[in-house]
Amino acid sequence: MHTEASTRFGRGADPEMAEFASRRAAELILQLAGGELLSGVVDVYPGKRSAKKIIITRAELLRIMGADVPDKDLETVLSALGFVPVRVDQTRGAANSLLAVWECTQPSWRADVEREIDLIEEVARVYGLDKFPARLPASRSGAARLPHYEAETPFEKRLIGLGYQEILTIPHVAEERNELFRPPDATPAKLANPLSEEANVLRSTGAVTMSSAIELEF
C-alpha cells in the first residue's frame, strides 16, 4: 500500500537520527512543559556499523551516461548530498582525468545508495539529465535478416490479403489454461517470479494465447 509512511521509510530510516531527535524532544519539553534536563545521554546501540565506502569512477560514469561531468560539478553534487567525495586515484592532481576515482562515504540517511551505479544515478539526476545527449547504445552485431525472411514475407502478405490476422501475445499464461492445450510430451516451464498467478508458466503451444485472443475478440 502506497502511503506517506511507505514513501518516507521505504529507503530505510536513519539510525543516527535517534540522538538528534531525542535532543530536540528534550528541548521542546524544556520550552513547553517545564521539564528538567539531566546531563548525559543513554544510547543503546549494539549494532552500530562504520560508514560504508563507495567508489565512483569517471570511466564508469562515461560508460553508463555516454557523456562526462566535470570534476567540480561531480564533487559539488556528491558533497551536497552528504557523500564527501575524495579523489584517490594516482592522477588526482589532473583535472577531468579519464582515470579519476573518488571514494565516497555513505551518509546514514542514504541507506539506499550502496553501489557505484547508485552514485552515478545521483550525479546524473542532480547535474541534469538534459545535459546528457540522447543516443542509441552501440550495436554489438550488425543487422541481418532471418534466413527464412525471403520466403516468409510474401506468404504473410498473401495471408493478409486473404483476410487473415496475425496474433502476437506474451508467452506467459496461467498453468490451468496451459494444461488445456499442452501436448502430452511437453513439460511447461514455470516462472520463479511470475507477474501474477494468471501468468505463471510459459505456454507450451501458441494455441493457448491464440484462443484467449479469439475470446477477447468475440
N, C-alpha and C. Protein backbone atom coordinates (compact mmCIF):
# COMPACT_ATOMS: atom_id res chain seq x y z
N MET A 1 0.85 -1.19 0.00
CA MET A 1 0.00 0.00 0.00
C MET A 1 0.89 1.25 0.00
N HIS A 2 0.63 2.14 -0.96
CA HIS A 2 1.44 3.35 -1.06
C HIS A 2 0.90 4.40 -0.10
N THR A 3 1.66 4.71 0.93
CA THR A 3 1.27 5.70 1.92
C THR A 3 2.41 6.69 2.13
N GLU A 4 2.14 7.73 2.90
CA GLU A 4 3.20 8.69 3.22
C GLU A 4 4.32 8.01 3.99
N ALA A 5 3.94 7.10 4.89
CA ALA A 5 4.95 6.39 5.68
C ALA A 5 5.82 5.50 4.80
N SER A 6 5.20 4.79 3.84
CA SER A 6 5.99 3.92 2.97
C SER A 6 6.95 4.73 2.11
N THR A 7 6.52 5.92 1.70
CA THR A 7 7.40 6.79 0.93
C THR A 7 8.55 7.29 1.79
N ARG A 8 8.24 7.64 3.02
CA ARG A 8 9.25 8.21 3.93
C ARG A 8 10.26 7.17 4.39
N PHE A 9 9.79 5.96 4.69
CA PHE A 9 10.67 4.96 5.29
C PHE A 9 11.01 3.81 4.35
N GLY A 10 10.54 3.87 3.10
CA GLY A 10 10.80 2.78 2.17
C GLY A 10 12.28 2.56 1.91
N ARG A 11 13.07 3.62 1.98
CA ARG A 11 14.51 3.52 1.75
C ARG A 11 15.27 3.28 3.06
N GLY A 12 14.55 3.11 4.15
CA GLY A 12 15.22 2.87 5.43
C GLY A 12 15.32 4.13 6.27
N ALA A 13 15.05 4.01 7.55
CA ALA A 13 15.15 5.15 8.46
C ALA A 13 16.62 5.39 8.85
N ASP A 14 16.94 6.63 9.17
CA ASP A 14 18.31 7.00 9.54
C ASP A 14 18.59 6.54 10.97
N PRO A 15 19.50 5.57 11.18
CA PRO A 15 19.78 5.09 12.54
C PRO A 15 20.50 6.12 13.40
N GLU A 16 21.14 7.11 12.77
CA GLU A 16 21.86 8.13 13.53
C GLU A 16 20.94 9.27 13.97
N MET A 17 19.68 9.21 13.59
CA MET A 17 18.76 10.30 13.89
C MET A 17 18.21 10.23 15.31
N ALA A 18 18.33 9.08 15.98
CA ALA A 18 17.70 8.90 17.29
C ALA A 18 18.20 9.92 18.32
N GLU A 19 19.52 10.11 18.41
CA GLU A 19 20.06 11.05 19.40
C GLU A 19 19.66 12.48 19.07
N PHE A 20 19.73 12.85 17.79
CA PHE A 20 19.34 14.20 17.38
C PHE A 20 17.87 14.45 17.73
N ALA A 21 17.02 13.45 17.45
CA ALA A 21 15.59 13.60 17.73
C ALA A 21 15.33 13.70 19.22
N SER A 22 16.07 12.91 20.01
CA SER A 22 15.86 12.94 21.45
C SER A 22 16.29 14.29 22.04
N ARG A 23 17.35 14.88 21.51
CA ARG A 23 17.78 16.20 21.98
C ARG A 23 16.74 17.27 21.64
N ARG A 24 16.16 17.15 20.44
CA ARG A 24 15.13 18.11 20.05
C ARG A 24 13.89 17.94 20.92
N ALA A 25 13.55 16.67 21.22
CA ALA A 25 12.40 16.42 22.09
C ALA A 25 12.63 17.00 23.48
N ALA A 26 13.86 16.84 23.99
CA ALA A 26 14.18 17.40 25.31
C ALA A 26 14.09 18.92 25.30
N GLU A 27 14.53 19.53 24.20
CA GLU A 27 14.45 20.99 24.08
C GLU A 27 13.01 21.47 24.11
N LEU A 28 12.12 20.77 23.42
CA LEU A 28 10.72 21.15 23.40
C LEU A 28 10.07 20.96 24.77
N ILE A 29 10.47 19.88 25.46
CA ILE A 29 9.94 19.66 26.81
C ILE A 29 10.33 20.81 27.73
N LEU A 30 11.58 21.27 27.64
CA LEU A 30 12.03 22.39 28.46
C LEU A 30 11.26 23.66 28.13
N GLN A 31 11.01 23.90 26.86
CA GLN A 31 10.35 25.14 26.44
C GLN A 31 8.86 25.13 26.75
N LEU A 32 8.22 23.99 26.58
CA LEU A 32 6.75 23.96 26.62
C LEU A 32 6.15 23.31 27.86
N ALA A 33 6.91 22.40 28.48
CA ALA A 33 6.31 21.63 29.57
C ALA A 33 7.01 21.83 30.91
N GLY A 34 8.05 22.66 30.95
CA GLY A 34 8.72 22.93 32.21
C GLY A 34 9.47 21.75 32.77
N GLY A 35 10.02 20.93 31.89
CA GLY A 35 10.76 19.76 32.35
C GLY A 35 12.14 20.11 32.88
N GLU A 36 12.83 19.10 33.38
CA GLU A 36 14.18 19.28 33.91
C GLU A 36 15.14 18.43 33.09
N LEU A 37 16.20 19.04 32.61
CA LEU A 37 17.16 18.34 31.76
C LEU A 37 18.30 17.78 32.59
N LEU A 38 18.54 16.49 32.42
CA LEU A 38 19.66 15.84 33.11
C LEU A 38 20.83 15.70 32.15
N SER A 39 22.03 15.66 32.68
CA SER A 39 23.22 15.58 31.84
C SER A 39 23.43 14.14 31.34
N GLY A 40 24.12 14.04 30.19
CA GLY A 40 24.46 12.71 29.67
C GLY A 40 23.38 12.16 28.74
N VAL A 41 23.77 11.17 27.96
CA VAL A 41 22.87 10.51 27.02
C VAL A 41 23.01 9.01 27.17
N VAL A 42 21.89 8.30 27.24
CA VAL A 42 21.90 6.84 27.26
C VAL A 42 21.56 6.37 25.85
N ASP A 43 22.51 5.71 25.19
CA ASP A 43 22.32 5.29 23.80
C ASP A 43 22.57 3.79 23.69
N VAL A 44 21.50 3.02 23.60
CA VAL A 44 21.62 1.57 23.44
C VAL A 44 21.68 1.27 21.94
N TYR A 45 22.88 1.06 21.44
CA TYR A 45 23.10 0.93 20.00
C TYR A 45 24.11 -0.21 19.78
N PRO A 46 23.69 -1.44 20.03
CA PRO A 46 24.65 -2.57 19.99
C PRO A 46 25.16 -2.90 18.59
N GLY A 47 24.39 -2.56 17.54
CA GLY A 47 24.79 -2.95 16.20
C GLY A 47 25.34 -1.82 15.37
N LYS A 48 25.96 -0.85 16.00
CA LYS A 48 26.47 0.30 15.26
C LYS A 48 27.54 -0.12 14.26
N ARG A 49 27.40 0.35 13.02
CA ARG A 49 28.34 -0.02 11.97
C ARG A 49 29.10 1.20 11.48
N SER A 50 30.31 0.95 11.00
CA SER A 50 31.10 2.04 10.44
C SER A 50 30.53 2.41 9.07
N ALA A 51 30.74 3.67 8.68
CA ALA A 51 30.19 4.15 7.42
C ALA A 51 30.78 3.38 6.24
N LYS A 52 29.93 3.03 5.28
CA LYS A 52 30.36 2.27 4.11
C LYS A 52 31.05 3.18 3.10
N LYS A 53 32.11 2.67 2.49
CA LYS A 53 32.83 3.40 1.45
C LYS A 53 32.38 2.91 0.08
N ILE A 54 32.09 3.85 -0.82
CA ILE A 54 31.63 3.53 -2.17
C ILE A 54 32.51 4.25 -3.17
N ILE A 55 32.95 3.53 -4.19
CA ILE A 55 33.83 4.10 -5.21
C ILE A 55 33.01 4.51 -6.43
N ILE A 56 33.34 5.67 -7.01
CA ILE A 56 32.78 6.08 -8.29
C ILE A 56 33.93 6.49 -9.19
N THR A 57 33.92 6.02 -10.43
CA THR A 57 35.00 6.31 -11.37
C THR A 57 34.45 7.06 -12.58
N ARG A 58 35.31 7.87 -13.18
CA ARG A 58 34.90 8.59 -14.38
C ARG A 58 34.68 7.62 -15.54
N ALA A 59 35.45 6.56 -15.61
CA ALA A 59 35.30 5.59 -16.69
C ALA A 59 33.91 4.97 -16.68
N GLU A 60 33.41 4.62 -15.50
CA GLU A 60 32.08 4.00 -15.40
C GLU A 60 30.99 5.05 -15.66
N LEU A 61 31.21 6.27 -15.20
CA LEU A 61 30.24 7.35 -15.48
C LEU A 61 30.10 7.56 -16.99
N LEU A 62 31.23 7.57 -17.70
CA LEU A 62 31.20 7.74 -19.15
C LEU A 62 30.52 6.55 -19.82
N ARG A 63 30.78 5.34 -19.32
CA ARG A 63 30.18 4.15 -19.93
C ARG A 63 28.66 4.13 -19.76
N ILE A 64 28.19 4.53 -18.58
CA ILE A 64 26.75 4.49 -18.30
C ILE A 64 26.01 5.65 -18.95
N MET A 65 26.54 6.87 -18.81
CA MET A 65 25.83 8.06 -19.26
C MET A 65 26.20 8.49 -20.67
N GLY A 66 27.35 8.04 -21.18
CA GLY A 66 27.74 8.42 -22.53
C GLY A 66 28.26 9.83 -22.65
N ALA A 67 28.43 10.53 -21.54
CA ALA A 67 28.96 11.90 -21.55
C ALA A 67 29.59 12.17 -20.19
N ASP A 68 30.42 13.22 -20.15
CA ASP A 68 31.22 13.49 -18.96
C ASP A 68 30.56 14.52 -18.05
N VAL A 69 31.02 14.53 -16.80
CA VAL A 69 30.66 15.56 -15.82
C VAL A 69 31.96 16.11 -15.27
N PRO A 70 32.20 17.41 -15.33
CA PRO A 70 33.46 17.98 -14.82
C PRO A 70 33.68 17.65 -13.35
N ASP A 71 34.96 17.59 -12.98
CA ASP A 71 35.31 17.27 -11.59
C ASP A 71 34.56 18.15 -10.59
N LYS A 72 34.59 19.45 -10.83
CA LYS A 72 34.00 20.39 -9.87
C LYS A 72 32.51 20.13 -9.68
N ASP A 73 31.79 19.89 -10.78
CA ASP A 73 30.35 19.66 -10.68
C ASP A 73 30.05 18.33 -9.99
N LEU A 74 30.82 17.29 -10.34
CA LEU A 74 30.61 15.98 -9.71
C LEU A 74 30.84 16.06 -8.21
N GLU A 75 31.93 16.71 -7.81
CA GLU A 75 32.24 16.80 -6.38
C GLU A 75 31.23 17.69 -5.65
N THR A 76 30.76 18.73 -6.32
CA THR A 76 29.75 19.61 -5.71
C THR A 76 28.46 18.85 -5.45
N VAL A 77 28.02 18.06 -6.43
CA VAL A 77 26.78 17.29 -6.29
C VAL A 77 26.89 16.28 -5.15
N LEU A 78 27.96 15.51 -5.15
CA LEU A 78 28.13 14.47 -4.14
C LEU A 78 28.31 15.06 -2.74
N SER A 79 29.02 16.18 -2.66
CA SER A 79 29.20 16.83 -1.36
C SER A 79 27.88 17.36 -0.82
N ALA A 80 27.06 17.97 -1.70
CA ALA A 80 25.77 18.50 -1.27
C ALA A 80 24.85 17.40 -0.78
N LEU A 81 25.01 16.19 -1.32
CA LEU A 81 24.17 15.06 -0.91
C LEU A 81 24.73 14.34 0.31
N GLY A 82 25.91 14.77 0.79
CA GLY A 82 26.47 14.20 2.02
C GLY A 82 27.42 13.05 1.83
N PHE A 83 27.92 12.82 0.60
CA PHE A 83 28.78 11.65 0.35
C PHE A 83 30.27 11.92 0.53
N VAL A 84 30.66 13.16 0.71
CA VAL A 84 32.06 13.56 0.98
C VAL A 84 33.03 12.88 0.01
N PRO A 85 33.01 13.22 -1.27
CA PRO A 85 33.91 12.56 -2.23
C PRO A 85 35.36 12.97 -2.05
N VAL A 86 36.27 12.00 -2.16
CA VAL A 86 37.71 12.25 -2.05
C VAL A 86 38.41 11.55 -3.21
N ARG A 87 39.21 12.29 -3.97
CA ARG A 87 39.95 11.70 -5.07
C ARG A 87 41.02 10.76 -4.52
N VAL A 88 41.07 9.55 -5.04
CA VAL A 88 42.03 8.56 -4.53
C VAL A 88 42.88 7.95 -5.64
N ASP A 89 42.71 8.40 -6.89
CA ASP A 89 43.48 7.82 -7.99
C ASP A 89 44.87 8.44 -8.06
N GLN A 90 45.74 7.84 -8.87
CA GLN A 90 47.11 8.30 -8.99
C GLN A 90 47.21 9.63 -9.74
N THR A 91 46.15 10.00 -10.48
CA THR A 91 46.19 11.25 -11.27
C THR A 91 45.33 12.33 -10.63
N ARG A 92 45.18 12.30 -9.31
CA ARG A 92 44.26 13.23 -8.65
C ARG A 92 44.67 14.69 -8.78
N GLY A 93 45.89 14.96 -9.22
CA GLY A 93 46.29 16.34 -9.46
C GLY A 93 45.84 16.86 -10.81
N ALA A 94 45.41 15.94 -11.69
CA ALA A 94 45.00 16.34 -13.04
C ALA A 94 43.49 16.49 -13.10
N ALA A 95 43.04 17.64 -13.62
CA ALA A 95 41.60 17.90 -13.69
C ALA A 95 40.97 17.09 -14.81
N ASN A 96 39.78 16.56 -14.52
CA ASN A 96 38.96 15.85 -15.50
C ASN A 96 39.70 14.67 -16.14
N SER A 97 40.52 13.99 -15.36
CA SER A 97 41.26 12.84 -15.87
C SER A 97 40.32 11.68 -16.13
N LEU A 98 40.57 10.92 -17.22
CA LEU A 98 39.76 9.74 -17.52
C LEU A 98 39.98 8.64 -16.48
N LEU A 99 41.06 8.74 -15.72
CA LEU A 99 41.36 7.73 -14.71
C LEU A 99 40.90 8.14 -13.31
N ALA A 100 40.13 9.22 -13.23
CA ALA A 100 39.70 9.76 -11.93
C ALA A 100 38.85 8.74 -11.17
N VAL A 101 39.14 8.65 -9.87
CA VAL A 101 38.40 7.75 -8.97
C VAL A 101 38.12 8.52 -7.68
N TRP A 102 36.88 8.46 -7.22
CA TRP A 102 36.50 9.11 -5.95
C TRP A 102 36.03 8.05 -4.96
N GLU A 103 36.46 8.21 -3.71
CA GLU A 103 35.95 7.38 -2.63
C GLU A 103 34.92 8.19 -1.85
N CYS A 104 33.71 7.68 -1.76
CA CYS A 104 32.63 8.40 -1.08
C CYS A 104 32.22 7.66 0.18
N THR A 105 31.76 8.42 1.16
CA THR A 105 31.29 7.85 2.43
C THR A 105 29.77 7.88 2.45
N GLN A 106 29.16 6.74 2.61
CA GLN A 106 27.69 6.66 2.62
C GLN A 106 27.14 7.35 3.86
N PRO A 107 26.33 8.39 3.71
CA PRO A 107 25.72 9.03 4.88
C PRO A 107 24.66 8.12 5.49
N SER A 108 24.42 8.30 6.78
CA SER A 108 23.50 7.40 7.49
C SER A 108 22.08 7.48 6.96
N TRP A 109 21.71 8.62 6.34
CA TRP A 109 20.33 8.79 5.87
C TRP A 109 20.14 8.31 4.44
N ARG A 110 21.19 7.74 3.81
CA ARG A 110 21.06 7.24 2.45
C ARG A 110 21.44 5.76 2.39
N ALA A 111 20.69 4.95 3.11
CA ALA A 111 20.95 3.51 3.11
C ALA A 111 20.63 2.88 1.76
N ASP A 112 19.87 3.60 0.92
CA ASP A 112 19.50 3.06 -0.39
C ASP A 112 20.63 3.16 -1.41
N VAL A 113 21.66 3.96 -1.11
CA VAL A 113 22.81 4.11 -2.02
C VAL A 113 23.91 3.17 -1.54
N GLU A 114 24.13 2.09 -2.28
CA GLU A 114 25.08 1.08 -1.85
C GLU A 114 26.15 0.76 -2.90
N ARG A 115 25.90 1.13 -4.18
CA ARG A 115 26.81 0.73 -5.25
C ARG A 115 27.23 1.94 -6.08
N GLU A 116 28.21 1.71 -6.94
CA GLU A 116 28.69 2.78 -7.81
C GLU A 116 27.59 3.29 -8.72
N ILE A 117 26.76 2.39 -9.23
CA ILE A 117 25.70 2.80 -10.13
C ILE A 117 24.70 3.72 -9.43
N ASP A 118 24.52 3.53 -8.11
CA ASP A 118 23.64 4.42 -7.35
C ASP A 118 24.21 5.84 -7.30
N LEU A 119 25.53 5.95 -7.12
CA LEU A 119 26.16 7.27 -7.10
C LEU A 119 26.06 7.95 -8.47
N ILE A 120 26.25 7.16 -9.53
CA ILE A 120 26.14 7.72 -10.87
C ILE A 120 24.73 8.24 -11.10
N GLU A 121 23.74 7.52 -10.62
CA GLU A 121 22.35 7.97 -10.77
C GLU A 121 22.13 9.28 -10.03
N GLU A 122 22.69 9.41 -8.84
CA GLU A 122 22.53 10.65 -8.07
C GLU A 122 23.20 11.82 -8.79
N VAL A 123 24.40 11.60 -9.30
CA VAL A 123 25.11 12.66 -10.02
C VAL A 123 24.32 13.09 -11.25
N ALA A 124 23.85 12.12 -12.03
CA ALA A 124 23.10 12.44 -13.25
C ALA A 124 21.81 13.17 -12.94
N ARG A 125 21.13 12.75 -11.88
CA ARG A 125 19.84 13.35 -11.52
C ARG A 125 20.00 14.81 -11.13
N VAL A 126 21.00 15.11 -10.30
CA VAL A 126 21.18 16.48 -9.81
C VAL A 126 21.88 17.35 -10.85
N TYR A 127 22.86 16.80 -11.54
CA TYR A 127 23.58 17.57 -12.56
C TYR A 127 22.64 17.97 -13.69
N GLY A 128 21.69 17.08 -14.01
CA GLY A 128 20.70 17.39 -15.04
C GLY A 128 20.74 16.39 -16.18
N LEU A 129 19.70 15.56 -16.28
CA LEU A 129 19.66 14.55 -17.34
C LEU A 129 19.62 15.19 -18.72
N ASP A 130 19.12 16.42 -18.78
CA ASP A 130 19.04 17.11 -20.07
C ASP A 130 20.42 17.47 -20.61
N LYS A 131 21.45 17.42 -19.76
CA LYS A 131 22.80 17.74 -20.20
C LYS A 131 23.51 16.55 -20.84
N PHE A 132 22.88 15.38 -20.79
CA PHE A 132 23.45 14.19 -21.42
C PHE A 132 22.76 13.97 -22.76
N PRO A 133 23.50 13.93 -23.85
CA PRO A 133 22.88 13.79 -25.17
C PRO A 133 22.17 12.45 -25.32
N ALA A 134 21.01 12.47 -25.95
CA ALA A 134 20.26 11.25 -26.20
C ALA A 134 20.86 10.53 -27.40
N ARG A 135 21.15 9.25 -27.22
CA ARG A 135 21.69 8.47 -28.33
C ARG A 135 21.47 7.00 -28.06
N LEU A 136 21.43 6.22 -29.13
CA LEU A 136 21.25 4.78 -29.01
C LEU A 136 22.56 4.13 -28.61
N PRO A 137 22.51 3.04 -27.83
CA PRO A 137 23.74 2.33 -27.48
C PRO A 137 24.37 1.71 -28.72
N ALA A 138 25.67 1.53 -28.68
CA ALA A 138 26.39 0.94 -29.82
C ALA A 138 25.95 -0.50 -30.02
N SER A 139 25.74 -0.87 -31.26
CA SER A 139 25.31 -2.23 -31.58
C SER A 139 26.49 -3.19 -31.48
N ARG A 140 26.26 -4.33 -30.87
CA ARG A 140 27.31 -5.34 -30.74
C ARG A 140 27.44 -6.20 -31.99
N SER A 141 26.40 -6.25 -32.79
CA SER A 141 26.44 -7.04 -34.02
C SER A 141 25.65 -6.33 -35.10
N GLY A 142 26.01 -6.55 -36.34
CA GLY A 142 25.35 -5.91 -37.44
C GLY A 142 23.95 -6.46 -37.67
N ALA A 143 23.08 -5.62 -38.24
CA ALA A 143 21.72 -6.06 -38.53
C ALA A 143 21.72 -7.06 -39.68
N ALA A 144 20.88 -8.06 -39.57
CA ALA A 144 20.80 -9.08 -40.61
C ALA A 144 19.39 -9.66 -40.64
N ARG A 145 18.91 -10.01 -41.81
CA ARG A 145 17.59 -10.62 -41.92
C ARG A 145 17.67 -12.09 -41.55
N LEU A 146 16.55 -12.61 -41.05
CA LEU A 146 16.48 -14.02 -40.73
C LEU A 146 16.58 -14.86 -42.00
N PRO A 147 17.09 -16.08 -41.91
CA PRO A 147 17.29 -16.90 -43.11
C PRO A 147 16.02 -17.14 -43.91
N HIS A 148 14.87 -17.24 -43.23
CA HIS A 148 13.63 -17.55 -43.92
C HIS A 148 12.83 -16.29 -44.29
N TYR A 149 13.47 -15.11 -44.22
CA TYR A 149 12.74 -13.87 -44.47
C TYR A 149 12.17 -13.81 -45.89
N GLU A 150 12.98 -14.15 -46.89
CA GLU A 150 12.57 -14.01 -48.29
C GLU A 150 11.34 -14.87 -48.59
N ALA A 151 11.28 -16.05 -48.00
CA ALA A 151 10.14 -16.93 -48.26
C ALA A 151 8.94 -16.57 -47.39
N GLU A 152 9.18 -16.06 -46.19
CA GLU A 152 8.10 -15.81 -45.24
C GLU A 152 7.32 -14.55 -45.58
N THR A 153 7.99 -13.50 -46.04
CA THR A 153 7.33 -12.23 -46.28
C THR A 153 6.22 -12.31 -47.33
N PRO A 154 6.47 -12.88 -48.51
CA PRO A 154 5.37 -12.99 -49.49
C PRO A 154 4.21 -13.84 -48.97
N PHE A 155 4.53 -14.86 -48.19
CA PHE A 155 3.49 -15.72 -47.63
C PHE A 155 2.62 -14.94 -46.65
N GLU A 156 3.25 -14.10 -45.81
CA GLU A 156 2.50 -13.26 -44.87
C GLU A 156 1.59 -12.29 -45.61
N LYS A 157 2.11 -11.67 -46.67
CA LYS A 157 1.31 -10.71 -47.44
C LYS A 157 0.10 -11.40 -48.09
N ARG A 158 0.32 -12.65 -48.57
CA ARG A 158 -0.79 -13.37 -49.20
C ARG A 158 -1.88 -13.69 -48.18
N LEU A 159 -1.49 -14.09 -46.97
CA LEU A 159 -2.47 -14.40 -45.93
C LEU A 159 -3.24 -13.14 -45.51
N ILE A 160 -2.53 -12.02 -45.39
CA ILE A 160 -3.20 -10.76 -45.04
C ILE A 160 -4.20 -10.38 -46.12
N GLY A 161 -3.80 -10.59 -47.38
CA GLY A 161 -4.70 -10.29 -48.47
C GLY A 161 -5.94 -11.16 -48.47
N LEU A 162 -5.84 -12.36 -47.93
CA LEU A 162 -6.99 -13.26 -47.84
C LEU A 162 -7.84 -12.99 -46.61
N GLY A 163 -7.45 -11.99 -45.79
CA GLY A 163 -8.27 -11.62 -44.64
C GLY A 163 -7.81 -12.19 -43.32
N TYR A 164 -6.65 -12.86 -43.28
CA TYR A 164 -6.16 -13.41 -42.02
C TYR A 164 -5.50 -12.29 -41.19
N GLN A 165 -5.43 -12.53 -39.89
CA GLN A 165 -4.78 -11.59 -38.97
C GLN A 165 -3.71 -12.33 -38.18
N GLU A 166 -2.60 -11.64 -37.93
CA GLU A 166 -1.53 -12.22 -37.13
C GLU A 166 -1.75 -11.90 -35.66
N ILE A 167 -1.57 -12.90 -34.81
CA ILE A 167 -1.77 -12.72 -33.38
C ILE A 167 -0.41 -12.72 -32.68
N LEU A 168 -0.11 -11.63 -31.99
CA LEU A 168 1.12 -11.50 -31.21
C LEU A 168 0.76 -11.33 -29.75
N THR A 169 1.18 -12.25 -28.92
CA THR A 169 0.84 -12.21 -27.49
C THR A 169 2.08 -12.53 -26.66
N ILE A 170 2.01 -12.22 -25.38
CA ILE A 170 3.11 -12.57 -24.49
C ILE A 170 3.07 -14.06 -24.18
N PRO A 171 4.20 -14.70 -23.91
CA PRO A 171 4.22 -16.16 -23.71
C PRO A 171 3.83 -16.60 -22.30
N HIS A 172 3.54 -15.66 -21.39
CA HIS A 172 3.21 -16.02 -20.02
C HIS A 172 1.71 -16.30 -19.89
N VAL A 173 1.35 -17.47 -19.39
CA VAL A 173 -0.06 -17.85 -19.29
C VAL A 173 -0.31 -18.52 -17.95
N ALA A 174 -1.60 -18.70 -17.63
CA ALA A 174 -1.97 -19.42 -16.41
C ALA A 174 -1.74 -20.91 -16.61
N GLU A 175 -1.26 -21.57 -15.57
CA GLU A 175 -0.96 -23.00 -15.69
C GLU A 175 -2.20 -23.81 -16.03
N GLU A 176 -3.37 -23.45 -15.46
CA GLU A 176 -4.59 -24.19 -15.72
C GLU A 176 -4.98 -24.11 -17.20
N ARG A 177 -4.82 -22.93 -17.79
CA ARG A 177 -5.18 -22.78 -19.21
C ARG A 177 -4.18 -23.51 -20.10
N ASN A 178 -2.92 -23.45 -19.71
CA ASN A 178 -1.91 -24.15 -20.50
C ASN A 178 -2.17 -25.65 -20.56
N GLU A 179 -2.71 -26.21 -19.45
CA GLU A 179 -2.98 -27.65 -19.41
C GLU A 179 -4.04 -28.06 -20.42
N LEU A 180 -4.91 -27.14 -20.81
CA LEU A 180 -5.96 -27.47 -21.77
C LEU A 180 -5.39 -27.76 -23.16
N PHE A 181 -4.24 -27.18 -23.47
CA PHE A 181 -3.68 -27.30 -24.82
C PHE A 181 -2.32 -28.00 -24.83
N ARG A 182 -1.76 -28.28 -23.68
CA ARG A 182 -0.39 -28.82 -23.61
C ARG A 182 -0.30 -30.21 -24.23
N PRO A 183 0.63 -30.41 -25.17
CA PRO A 183 0.86 -31.75 -25.71
C PRO A 183 1.34 -32.70 -24.60
N PRO A 184 1.03 -33.99 -24.71
CA PRO A 184 1.40 -34.94 -23.64
C PRO A 184 2.90 -34.99 -23.35
N ASP A 185 3.72 -34.75 -24.36
CA ASP A 185 5.17 -34.86 -24.18
C ASP A 185 5.85 -33.54 -23.81
N ALA A 186 5.07 -32.49 -23.58
CA ALA A 186 5.63 -31.16 -23.26
C ALA A 186 5.54 -30.90 -21.76
N THR A 187 6.64 -30.43 -21.19
CA THR A 187 6.67 -30.06 -19.77
C THR A 187 6.73 -28.55 -19.66
N PRO A 188 5.71 -27.91 -19.09
CA PRO A 188 5.71 -26.44 -19.05
C PRO A 188 6.80 -25.89 -18.13
N ALA A 189 7.37 -24.76 -18.54
CA ALA A 189 8.40 -24.09 -17.74
C ALA A 189 7.71 -23.11 -16.81
N LYS A 190 7.88 -23.31 -15.49
CA LYS A 190 7.27 -22.43 -14.50
C LYS A 190 8.18 -21.25 -14.21
N LEU A 191 7.58 -20.07 -14.04
CA LEU A 191 8.34 -18.86 -13.74
C LEU A 191 8.61 -18.77 -12.24
N ALA A 192 9.84 -18.47 -11.88
CA ALA A 192 10.20 -18.36 -10.47
C ALA A 192 9.59 -17.12 -9.83
N ASN A 193 9.42 -16.06 -10.63
CA ASN A 193 8.87 -14.81 -10.10
C ASN A 193 7.82 -14.27 -11.07
N PRO A 194 6.66 -14.92 -11.14
CA PRO A 194 5.64 -14.54 -12.13
C PRO A 194 5.04 -13.17 -11.84
N LEU A 195 4.58 -12.51 -12.91
CA LEU A 195 3.91 -11.22 -12.76
C LEU A 195 2.60 -11.37 -12.00
N SER A 196 1.92 -12.50 -12.19
CA SER A 196 0.67 -12.78 -11.47
C SER A 196 0.40 -14.27 -11.56
N GLU A 197 -0.61 -14.74 -10.82
CA GLU A 197 -0.99 -16.14 -10.87
C GLU A 197 -1.58 -16.51 -12.22
N GLU A 198 -2.02 -15.49 -12.97
CA GLU A 198 -2.58 -15.73 -14.31
C GLU A 198 -1.49 -15.78 -15.38
N ALA A 199 -0.24 -15.66 -14.96
CA ALA A 199 0.88 -15.70 -15.92
C ALA A 199 2.08 -16.34 -15.26
N ASN A 200 1.91 -17.58 -14.81
CA ASN A 200 2.96 -18.22 -14.02
C ASN A 200 3.73 -19.31 -14.76
N VAL A 201 3.38 -19.61 -16.02
CA VAL A 201 4.15 -20.57 -16.81
C VAL A 201 4.30 -20.05 -18.23
N LEU A 202 5.29 -20.60 -18.95
CA LEU A 202 5.44 -20.29 -20.37
C LEU A 202 4.55 -21.23 -21.17
N ARG A 203 3.85 -20.70 -22.15
CA ARG A 203 2.90 -21.50 -22.91
C ARG A 203 3.62 -22.66 -23.61
N SER A 204 2.95 -23.80 -23.66
CA SER A 204 3.50 -24.97 -24.32
C SER A 204 3.23 -24.97 -25.82
N THR A 205 2.22 -24.20 -26.23
CA THR A 205 1.86 -24.10 -27.64
C THR A 205 1.18 -22.76 -27.88
N GLY A 206 1.27 -22.26 -29.11
CA GLY A 206 0.66 -20.98 -29.42
C GLY A 206 -0.84 -20.99 -29.32
N ALA A 207 -1.46 -22.18 -29.33
CA ALA A 207 -2.92 -22.27 -29.25
C ALA A 207 -3.46 -21.71 -27.94
N VAL A 208 -2.63 -21.70 -26.89
CA VAL A 208 -3.08 -21.22 -25.58
C VAL A 208 -3.45 -19.75 -25.66
N THR A 209 -2.53 -18.91 -26.12
CA THR A 209 -2.78 -17.47 -26.19
C THR A 209 -3.65 -17.11 -27.40
N MET A 210 -3.59 -17.93 -28.44
CA MET A 210 -4.43 -17.66 -29.60
C MET A 210 -5.90 -17.78 -29.24
N SER A 211 -6.24 -18.79 -28.44
CA SER A 211 -7.64 -18.95 -28.02
C SER A 211 -8.09 -17.79 -27.15
N SER A 212 -7.17 -17.28 -26.29
CA SER A 212 -7.51 -16.15 -25.44
C SER A 212 -7.79 -14.90 -26.27
N ALA A 213 -6.96 -14.69 -27.31
CA ALA A 213 -7.17 -13.53 -28.17
C ALA A 213 -8.49 -13.61 -28.91
N ILE A 214 -8.86 -14.82 -29.33
CA ILE A 214 -10.13 -15.00 -30.04
C ILE A 214 -11.30 -14.76 -29.09
N GLU A 215 -11.16 -15.19 -27.83
CA GLU A 215 -12.21 -14.95 -26.83
C GLU A 215 -12.44 -13.46 -26.64
N LEU A 216 -11.35 -12.69 -26.52
CA LEU A 216 -11.50 -11.26 -26.32
C LEU A 216 -12.10 -10.58 -27.54
N GLU A 217 -11.83 -11.12 -28.73
CA GLU A 217 -12.34 -10.54 -29.96
C GLU A 217 -13.86 -10.71 -30.06
N PHE A 218 -14.34 -11.85 -29.56
CA PHE A 218 -15.76 -12.15 -29.70
C PHE A 218 -16.48 -12.12 -28.36
